Amino acid sequence: MKRRAPHVLIVDDERHVRESLSNWFVEDGYEVSTAGSAKEALQVLATRDVDVVVTDIRMPGMDGLELQHRIREVKPEVAVILITAYASVSTAVQALKEGAWDYLVKPFDPEDLSRVVAKACEKLRLEEENAALKERIAASVPEFVAGESPAMRRVLDLVEAVAPTDATVLIRGESGTGKELIARLIHAKSPRAFGPLVAVNCGALPEGVLESELFGHEKGAFTGAAGRRKGKLELADGGTLFLDEIGEISPKVQVELLRALEEHKITRVGGTQEVPVDFRVVCATNRDLEEAVRAGTFREDLYYRINVFRIDLPPLRERREDILPIAEHFVERYARAMGRKVSGFSQAAREVLLSHDWPGNVRELANAIERALVVCREGEIRPEHLPIVRRTASGAGEDAADLSLRTVERRHIRKVLEICEWNVTRAAKELGIDRVTLYNKMKKYGIERPGQAGN
């Protein structure tokens, strides 16, 4: 979107001064308004977006100093430049103390005034861009749902400690624990937040493709390389490079990556010229890299290079006190997005959530709540709304991919019966059905109490 031309308001009780300066700034590409008094100037400011006010000090009625004071009260972002034929040190000091951008004495060279106005407009432009960037950064800070457990408070303390530095960070944790969210949080809280955050899933690409993805390539480097292409390391210049699944990269790419990290220079595939790069590295893995080093599949020198500062994310099963607060957060989020009037969880549903081990961690919990909100339109979420994989009575695992209505209903009915200690009346109430219907469903799905038939 093209930015509008800066708007200059010229305030002077002498008509020829107003017209002369107006013509000058119009030729320079500014939008210009004029006012013959401070009162007229305030009327213009009330209706127009003005960036700079150039005002005479001595005018009938309200003078330029008082006008400056009024402008600071209502529009402090506007730069005020004072001009006068009656210069004095005390007047200049007073004007600057009260926030004037600058002070010029008549007669002055219009070129001097142009330079002062241009500097003021440039400062205002930079301030606007800075504010816009801060808004974008604030909007991009990930919604990391940590809970209140001591383990996660320690993780967030580590993030606060390492984010302001340029130290390389290695994030360890099971799938679904939020490693990329932590990486994004580190970037958002770092001095590089105004730069790009470039993420690469190292485990999703074969060696040749990953090499080109990271380092870029020159035209003709391989079949299909129709032109020069920058790699992720170049694109991350000035920002943060997030290497997810770092433990999956091949020995060849490990060597090239180590060199790039140590020298902050890269050579594109098929090229000979070294390209300087400046980025901060955050890596993540769910692999045991120490074991990989011992096995010879991961370079020891690269391991020490990326393991400068380590953050271990605990699995959800090791911080069960966080399950319900996180689940309630997701209920609020998805209910708002779907327009559902869901108030929370029934007691039985809470017990289901707390009893599950969540092998997929926070990602699995989020998905479970989102699916529950698809089924539950209002009221409380009950166990039958939660498509959580559970164990059968014999201990055999049920197929996680089987999400048919029949299978999901059978799982939930059985789990509610277990929670209600096989009290059919209580279970039927939790399920929102009558006893007869529950008995019929138990018979239909072959659900029997362990060691007993029929109850």
Foldseek 3Di string as FASTA:
>chain_A
DDDAAAEEEEEALDPVVQVVLQVVVVVVVHHYHYYNHLVVVVVCVVPDDHAEYEYEQDDPDHGPQVSLLVCCVPPVRHAYEYEYQDDDPVVQVSSVVSPHQYYYYPPDDSVVVVVSVVVSVVVSVVVVVVVVLLVVLVVQLDPDQQFDDPLSVVLVVLLLVPLQDLAFEEEEEAAQLCQVNSVSNSQSSYPLVSFDEAEDAQQVDDAVVVLCQAAWAADPLDPPRNGTDGHSQASQASGAYEYEAVLRHFPVVLVQVLCCLVVQWHAHRVGDDIDHGDHRYYYYHHDDVVVCCVVVGHPPSSVCRNHPDYRYRYACLVVLSRQQVLLVVLLVVLCVVVVAAEDEADPLLNVVRSVDNPSNGSVLSSVQSNQLCVVHRHYHRFQLSGQDWDADPVRDTDDSVPPDNLVSNVVSLLSLCVVVVNPLCNSCVRVVHHSVVSLVSCVVVVPADVPDPRD
